[in-house]
Amino acid sequence: MFVKICGLSTAETVAAAVDAGADAVGFVLTRSPRQVTPDTARRLAAAVPPHVLTVAVVAGADVATVRELVRDTGLQALQLHGDYSRADFAAVADLGLTLVRATSYQAPDLRIGAYGEDLLLVDATEPGSGGAWDYALLRGRGLGEGWILAGGLSVDTVADAITQSGAGGVDVSSGVESARGVKSEDLIRDFIAAVRKAG
């Protein structure tokens, strides 16, 4: 089970995620309570071992801005979050990064690779809102092997969400926070332990 901890902004929370066994860590580079600068993302990612995927997360930015944001970060992956088109994915394909499509469960062509992405992250109707939804809607929809579930996940909900959805991975941000935008090292560790126990 693939686990991504998203919206990290401190060395301590990055270390907690890596030490607990996260497969990926995400750094939000556009407007959000969790936003970090490209310089901060580069500095934090430098301490992450190469087997953990470092992800630049962007939402609501045009492709030219996205390219500028990720250019010097040294991150391994780019997550386009929300209403990005096939053309947008094609326009960043030359960056040589693992591409993540993060979109609503109601989006068209909901399957891995439909937009040229390497990973598909399926979220609520408002991606990035942190709201829970009916995860069972995704079971058996033929999304592809290893797609990632997001939205409303926490230590208490993640095991059931995995069972209901049939997901091959999970992504969490607000579900491991002690306050809006403030990650908890303990909740990060507990979340990853709950995922490992579930699957």
C-alpha atoms as a PDB file:
ATOM      1  CA  MET A   1       0.000   0.000   0.000  1.00  0.00           C
ATOM      2  CA  PHE A   2       1.513   3.264  -1.212  1.00  0.00           C
ATOM      3  CA  VAL A   3       1.397   6.116   1.341  1.00  0.00           C
ATOM      4  CA  LYS A   4       1.891   9.798   0.552  1.00  0.00           C
ATOM      5  CA  ILE A   5       1.999  12.437   3.269  1.00  0.00           C
ATOM      6  CA  CYS A   6       1.212  15.783   1.676  1.00  0.00           C
ATOM      7  CA  GLY A   7       1.553  19.415   2.676  1.00  0.00           C
ATOM      8  CA  LEU A   8       4.755  19.045   4.686  1.00  0.00           C
ATOM      9  CA  SER A   9       6.600  22.214   5.640  1.00  0.00           C
ATOM     10  CA  THR A  10       9.139  21.413   8.366  1.00  0.00           C
ATOM     11  CA  ALA A  11      12.211  19.225   8.637  1.00  0.00           C
ATOM     12  CA  GLU A  12      10.702  17.506  11.675  1.00  0.00           C
ATOM     13  CA  THR A  13       7.504  16.417   9.929  1.00  0.00           C
ATOM     14  CA  VAL A  14       9.376  15.308   6.814  1.00  0.00           C
ATOM     15  CA  ALA A  15      11.646  13.176   9.017  1.00  0.00           C
ATOM     16  CA  ALA A  16       8.643  11.730  10.856  1.00  0.00           C
ATOM     17  CA  ALA A  17       7.029  10.723   7.565  1.00  0.00           C
ATOM     18  CA  VAL A  18      10.209   9.177   6.168  1.00  0.00           C
ATOM     19  CA  ASP A  19      11.076   7.369   9.402  1.00  0.00           C
ATOM     20  CA  ALA A  20       7.542   5.953   9.674  1.00  0.00           C
ATOM     21  CA  GLY A  21       7.792   4.487   6.175  1.00  0.00           C
ATOM     22  CA  ALA A  22       6.042   6.940   3.840  1.00  0.00           C
ATOM     23  CA  ASP A  23       6.512   6.146   0.153  1.00  0.00           C
ATOM     24  CA  ALA A  24       6.111   9.778  -0.883  1.00  0.00           C
ATOM     25  CA  VAL A  25       6.110  13.260   0.636  1.00  0.00           C
ATOM     26  CA  GLY A  26       4.408  16.269  -0.911  1.00  0.00           C
ATOM     27  CA  PHE A  27       5.286  19.954  -0.857  1.00  0.00           C
ATOM     28  CA  VAL A  28       2.583  22.466  -1.847  1.00  0.00           C
ATOM     29  CA  LEU A  29       4.020  25.239  -4.014  1.00  0.00           C
ATOM     30  CA  THR A  30       0.825  27.213  -4.680  1.00  0.00           C
ATOM     31  CA  ARG A  31      -1.611  29.117  -2.464  1.00  0.00           C
ATOM     32  CA  SER A  32      -2.608  27.045   0.566  1.00  0.00           C
ATOM     33  CA  PRO A  33      -2.210  27.092   4.360  1.00  0.00           C
ATOM     34  CA  ARG A  34       0.484  24.478   3.638  1.00  0.00           C
ATOM     35  CA  GLN A  35       2.342  26.425   0.950  1.00  0.00           C
ATOM     36  CA  VAL A  36       6.138  26.454   0.973  1.00  0.00           C
ATOM     37  CA  THR A  37       8.519  28.293  -1.306  1.00  0.00           C
ATOM     38  CA  PRO A  38      10.450  26.372  -3.959  1.00  0.00           C
ATOM     39  CA  ASP A  39      13.609  27.060  -1.926  1.00  0.00           C
ATOM     40  CA  THR A  40      12.065  25.524   1.195  1.00  0.00           C
ATOM     41  CA  ALA A  41      10.852  22.519  -0.788  1.00  0.00           C
ATOM     42  CA  ARG A  42      14.362  22.013  -2.200  1.00  0.00           C
ATOM     43  CA  ARG A  43      15.923  22.234   1.269  1.00  0.00           C
ATOM     44  CA  LEU A  44      13.410  19.818   2.829  1.00  0.00           C
ATOM     45  CA  ALA A  45      13.635  17.348  -0.058  1.00  0.00           C
ATOM     46  CA  ALA A  46      17.420  17.268   0.161  1.00  0.00           C
ATOM     47  CA  ALA A  47      17.104  15.310   3.412  1.00  0.00           C
ATOM     48  CA  VAL A  48      14.743  12.708   1.909  1.00  0.00           C
ATOM     49  CA  PRO A  49      16.303   9.395   0.848  1.00  0.00           C
ATOM     50  CA  PRO A  50      16.023   8.619  -2.884  1.00  0.00           C
ATOM     51  CA  HIS A  51      13.592   5.712  -2.399  1.00  0.00           C
ATOM     52  CA  VAL A  52      10.950   8.156  -1.074  1.00  0.00           C
ATOM     53  CA  LEU A  53       9.245  10.090  -3.874  1.00  0.00           C
ATOM     54  CA  THR A  54       9.374  13.878  -3.403  1.00  0.00           C
ATOM     55  CA  VAL A  55       6.363  15.577  -4.978  1.00  0.00           C
ATOM     56  CA  ALA A  56       5.764  19.189  -6.000  1.00  0.00           C
ATOM     57  CA  VAL A  57       2.030  19.863  -5.593  1.00  0.00           C
ATOM     58  CA  VAL A  58       0.440  22.671  -7.595  1.00  0.00           C
ATOM     59  CA  ALA A  59      -3.142  23.817  -8.056  1.00  0.00           C
ATOM     60  CA  GLY A  60      -4.678  26.712  -9.945  1.00  0.00           C
ATOM     61  CA  ALA A  61      -1.453  27.790 -11.647  1.00  0.00           C
ATOM     62  CA  ASP A  62      -0.923  27.957 -15.401  1.00  0.00           C
ATOM     63  CA  VAL A  63       1.635  25.678 -17.004  1.00  0.00           C
ATOM     64  CA  ALA A  64       4.274  28.392 -17.405  1.00  0.00           C
ATOM     65  CA  THR A  65       4.049  29.172 -13.685  1.00  0.00           C
ATOM     66  CA  VAL A  66       4.156  25.468 -12.825  1.00  0.00           C
ATOM     67  CA  ARG A  67       7.326  25.000 -14.867  1.00  0.00           C
ATOM     68  CA  GLU A  68       8.938  27.976 -13.134  1.00  0.00           C
ATOM     69  CA  LEU A  69       7.946  26.750  -9.664  1.00  0.00           C
ATOM     70  CA  VAL A  70       9.396  23.258 -10.064  1.00  0.00           C
ATOM     71  CA  ARG A  71      12.431  24.124 -12.196  1.00  0.00           C
ATOM     72  CA  ASP A  72      15.052  24.270  -9.453  1.00  0.00           C
ATOM     73  CA  THR A  73      13.431  22.307  -6.629  1.00  0.00           C
ATOM     74  CA  GLY A  74      15.105  18.969  -7.332  1.00  0.00           C
ATOM     75  CA  LEU A  75      11.795  17.205  -6.613  1.00  0.00           C
ATOM     76  CA  GLN A  76      11.139  13.893  -8.348  1.00  0.00           C
ATOM     77  CA  ALA A  77       7.443  14.265  -9.171  1.00  0.00           C
ATOM     78  CA  LEU A  78       4.862  16.876 -10.135  1.00  0.00           C
ATOM     79  CA  GLN A  79       1.250  16.673  -8.972  1.00  0.00           C
ATOM     80  CA  LEU A  80      -1.204  18.740 -10.999  1.00  0.00           C
ATOM     81  CA  HIS A  81      -4.141  19.084  -8.643  1.00  0.00           C
ATOM     82  CA  GLY A  82      -7.596  19.952  -9.938  1.00  0.00           C
ATOM     83  CA  ASP A  83      -8.763  21.047 -13.382  1.00  0.00           C
ATOM     84  CA  TYR A  84      -5.756  20.373 -15.586  1.00  0.00           C
ATOM     85  CA  SER A  85      -6.185  19.162 -19.165  1.00  0.00           C
ATOM     86  CA  ARG A  86      -4.406  16.570 -21.283  1.00  0.00           C
ATOM     87  CA  ALA A  87      -2.640  19.476 -22.975  1.00  0.00           C
ATOM     88  CA  ASP A  88      -1.359  20.692 -19.597  1.00  0.00           C
ATOM     89  CA  PHE A  89       0.107  17.268 -18.840  1.00  0.00           C
ATOM     90  CA  ALA A  90       1.674  17.128 -22.302  1.00  0.00           C
ATOM     91  CA  ALA A  91       3.195  20.575 -21.690  1.00  0.00           C
ATOM     92  CA  VAL A  92       5.101  19.368 -18.612  1.00  0.00           C
ATOM     93  CA  ALA A  93       6.026  15.896 -19.861  1.00  0.00           C
ATOM     94  CA  ASP A  94       9.466  17.081 -20.972  1.00  0.00           C
ATOM     95  CA  LEU A  95      10.421  17.949 -17.377  1.00  0.00           C
ATOM     96  CA  GLY A  96      11.305  14.298 -16.796  1.00  0.00           C
ATOM     97  CA  LEU A  97       9.301  14.083 -13.571  1.00  0.00           C
ATOM     98  CA  THR A  98       6.855  11.445 -12.397  1.00  0.00           C
ATOM     99  CA  LEU A  99       3.478  13.006 -13.201  1.00  0.00           C
ATOM    100  CA  VAL A 100       0.577  12.742 -10.767  1.00  0.00           C
ATOM    101  CA  ARG A 101      -2.973  13.611 -11.806  1.00  0.00           C
ATOM    102  CA  ALA A 102      -5.027  14.595  -8.745  1.00  0.00           C
ATOM    103  CA  THR A 103      -8.686  14.984  -9.593  1.00  0.00           C
ATOM    104  CA  SER A 104     -12.259  14.460  -8.454  1.00  0.00           C
ATOM    105  CA  TYR A 105     -13.855  11.029  -8.533  1.00  0.00           C
ATOM    106  CA  GLN A 106     -16.374  12.609 -10.930  1.00  0.00           C
ATOM    107  CA  ALA A 107     -13.708  13.591 -13.495  1.00  0.00           C
ATOM    108  CA  PRO A 108     -13.832  12.217 -17.053  1.00  0.00           C
ATOM    109  CA  ASP A 109     -11.481   9.427 -18.147  1.00  0.00           C
ATOM    110  CA  LEU A 110     -10.770   8.340 -14.600  1.00  0.00           C
ATOM    111  CA  ARG A 111      -8.002   5.823 -15.187  1.00  0.00           C
ATOM    112  CA  ILE A 112      -4.231   5.830 -14.805  1.00  0.00           C
ATOM    113  CA  GLY A 113      -2.527   7.196 -17.900  1.00  0.00           C
ATOM    114  CA  ALA A 114      -5.595   8.814 -19.488  1.00  0.00           C
ATOM    115  CA  TYR A 115      -3.889  12.226 -19.350  1.00  0.00           C
ATOM    116  CA  GLY A 116      -0.347  10.896 -19.668  1.00  0.00           C
ATOM    117  CA  GLU A 117       0.087  10.701 -15.903  1.00  0.00           C
ATOM    118  CA  ASP A 118       2.123   8.046 -14.116  1.00  0.00           C
ATOM    119  CA  LEU A 119       0.003   8.082 -10.944  1.00  0.00           C
ATOM    120  CA  LEU A 120      -3.687   8.849 -10.452  1.00  0.00           C
ATOM    121  CA  LEU A 121      -4.905  10.379  -7.189  1.00  0.00           C
ATOM    122  CA  VAL A 122      -8.693  10.355  -6.770  1.00  0.00           C
ATOM    123  CA  ASP A 123     -10.200  12.897  -4.398  1.00  0.00           C
ATOM    124  CA  ALA A 124     -13.577  14.368  -3.404  1.00  0.00           C
ATOM    125  CA  THR A 125     -15.614  16.632  -5.696  1.00  0.00           C
ATOM    126  CA  GLU A 126     -13.431  19.534  -4.537  1.00  0.00           C
ATOM    127  CA  PRO A 127      -9.908  18.092  -4.667  1.00  0.00           C
ATOM    128  CA  GLY A 128      -7.783  19.237  -1.757  1.00  0.00           C
ATOM    129  CA  SER A 129     -10.767  20.081   0.471  1.00  0.00           C
ATOM    130  CA  GLY A 130     -10.056  17.296   2.965  1.00  0.00           C
ATOM    131  CA  GLY A 131     -13.714  16.275   2.987  1.00  0.00           C
ATOM    132  CA  ALA A 132     -14.834  12.655   3.324  1.00  0.00           C
ATOM    133  CA  TRP A 133     -17.008  11.066   0.641  1.00  0.00           C
ATOM    134  CA  ASP A 134     -18.417   7.689  -0.428  1.00  0.00           C
ATOM    135  CA  TYR A 135     -15.220   5.792  -1.230  1.00  0.00           C
ATOM    136  CA  ALA A 136     -17.180   2.708  -2.354  1.00  0.00           C
ATOM    137  CA  LEU A 137     -18.141   4.601  -5.531  1.00  0.00           C
ATOM    138  CA  LEU A 138     -14.689   3.748  -6.878  1.00  0.00           C
ATOM    139  CA  ARG A 139     -14.667   0.001  -6.306  1.00  0.00           C
ATOM    140  CA  GLY A 140     -14.578  -1.907  -9.558  1.00  0.00           C
ATOM    141  CA  ARG A 141     -14.385   1.159 -11.812  1.00  0.00           C
ATOM    142  CA  GLY A 142     -11.283   0.000 -13.647  1.00  0.00           C
ATOM    143  CA  LEU A 143      -9.062   2.909 -12.649  1.00  0.00           C
ATOM    144  CA  GLY A 144      -5.860   0.945 -13.126  1.00  0.00           C
ATOM    145  CA  GLU A 145      -3.402  -0.769 -10.837  1.00  0.00           C
ATOM    146  CA  GLY A 146      -2.274   1.160  -7.767  1.00  0.00           C
ATOM    147  CA  TRP A 147      -4.414   4.305  -7.956  1.00  0.00           C
ATOM    148  CA  ILE A 148      -4.308   6.541  -4.855  1.00  0.00           C
ATOM    149  CA  LEU A 149      -7.244   7.561  -2.655  1.00  0.00           C
ATOM    150  CA  ALA A 150      -7.502  10.991  -0.990  1.00  0.00           C
ATOM    151  CA  GLY A 151     -10.053  13.107   0.819  1.00  0.00           C
ATOM    152  CA  GLY A 152     -11.194  12.912   4.434  1.00  0.00           C
ATOM    153  CA  LEU A 153      -8.685  10.267   5.447  1.00  0.00           C
ATOM    154  CA  SER A 154      -7.437  10.038   9.026  1.00  0.00           C
ATOM    155  CA  VAL A 155      -6.079   7.489  11.469  1.00  0.00           C
ATOM    156  CA  ASP A 156      -9.668   6.510  12.305  1.00  0.00           C
ATOM    157  CA  THR A 157     -11.042   6.304   8.738  1.00  0.00           C
ATOM    158  CA  VAL A 158      -8.227   5.061   6.518  1.00  0.00           C
ATOM    159  CA  ALA A 159      -8.635   1.296   7.039  1.00  0.00           C
ATOM    160  CA  ASP A 160     -12.335   1.359   6.129  1.00  0.00           C
ATOM    161  CA  ALA A 161     -11.663   3.693   3.203  1.00  0.00           C
ATOM    162  CA  ILE A 162      -9.127   1.260   1.757  1.00  0.00           C
ATOM    163  CA  THR A 163     -11.554  -1.641   2.125  1.00  0.00           C
ATOM    164  CA  GLN A 164     -14.473   0.265   0.613  1.00  0.00           C
ATOM    165  CA  SER A 165     -12.573   1.723  -2.340  1.00  0.00           C
ATOM    166  CA  GLY A 166     -10.087  -0.968  -3.311  1.00  0.00           C
ATOM    167  CA  ALA A 167      -7.366   1.690  -3.570  1.00  0.00           C
ATOM    168  CA  GLY A 168      -3.719   0.763  -4.008  1.00  0.00           C
ATOM    169  CA  GLY A 169      -2.493   3.821  -2.147  1.00  0.00           C
ATOM    170  CA  VAL A 170      -3.561   6.687   0.090  1.00  0.00           C
ATOM    171  CA  ASP A 171      -2.730  10.387   0.342  1.00  0.00           C
ATOM    172  CA  VAL A 172      -3.317  12.452   3.471  1.00  0.00           C
ATOM    173  CA  SER A 173      -2.808  16.072   4.465  1.00  0.00           C
ATOM    174  CA  SER A 174      -5.387  17.604   6.813  1.00  0.00           C
ATOM    175  CA  GLY A 175      -5.995  14.204   8.432  1.00  0.00           C
ATOM    176  CA  VAL A 176      -2.562  14.361  10.089  1.00  0.00           C
ATOM    177  CA  GLU A 177      -2.804  17.939  11.340  1.00  0.00           C
ATOM    178  CA  SER A 178      -3.193  19.237  14.893  1.00  0.00           C
ATOM    179  CA  ALA A 179      -4.454  22.571  13.490  1.00  0.00           C
ATOM    180  CA  ARG A 180      -5.123  23.823   9.964  1.00  0.00           C
ATOM    181  CA  GLY A 181      -1.815  23.669   8.099  1.00  0.00           C
ATOM    182  CA  VAL A 182       0.111  22.336  11.118  1.00  0.00           C
ATOM    183  CA  LYS A 183       1.263  18.731  10.765  1.00  0.00           C
ATOM    184  CA  SER A 184       1.545  16.468  13.822  1.00  0.00           C
ATOM    185  CA  GLU A 185       4.489  14.089  13.917  1.00  0.00           C
ATOM    186  CA  ASP A 186       2.482  11.701  16.107  1.00  0.00           C
ATOM    187  CA  LEU A 187      -0.505  11.687  13.746  1.00  0.00           C
ATOM    188  CA  ILE A 188       1.784  11.077  10.772  1.00  0.00           C
ATOM    189  CA  ARG A 189       3.299   8.046  12.494  1.00  0.00           C
ATOM    190  CA  ASP A 190      -0.110   6.763  13.626  1.00  0.00           C
ATOM    191  CA  PHE A 191      -1.615   7.199  10.155  1.00  0.00           C
ATOM    192  CA  ILE A 192       1.138   5.246   8.440  1.00  0.00           C
ATOM    193  CA  ALA A 193       0.903   2.510  11.081  1.00  0.00           C
ATOM    194  CA  ALA A 194      -2.874   2.289  10.507  1.00  0.00           C
ATOM    195  CA  VAL A 195      -2.354   1.931   6.759  1.00  0.00           C
ATOM    196  CA  ARG A 196       0.271  -0.780   7.183  1.00  0.00           C
ATOM    197  CA  LYS A 197      -2.000  -2.666   9.576  1.00  0.00           C
ATOM    198  CA  ALA A 198      -4.927  -2.409   7.140  1.00  0.00           C
ATOM    199  CA  GLY A 199      -3.165  -3.495   4.023  1.00  0.00           C
END
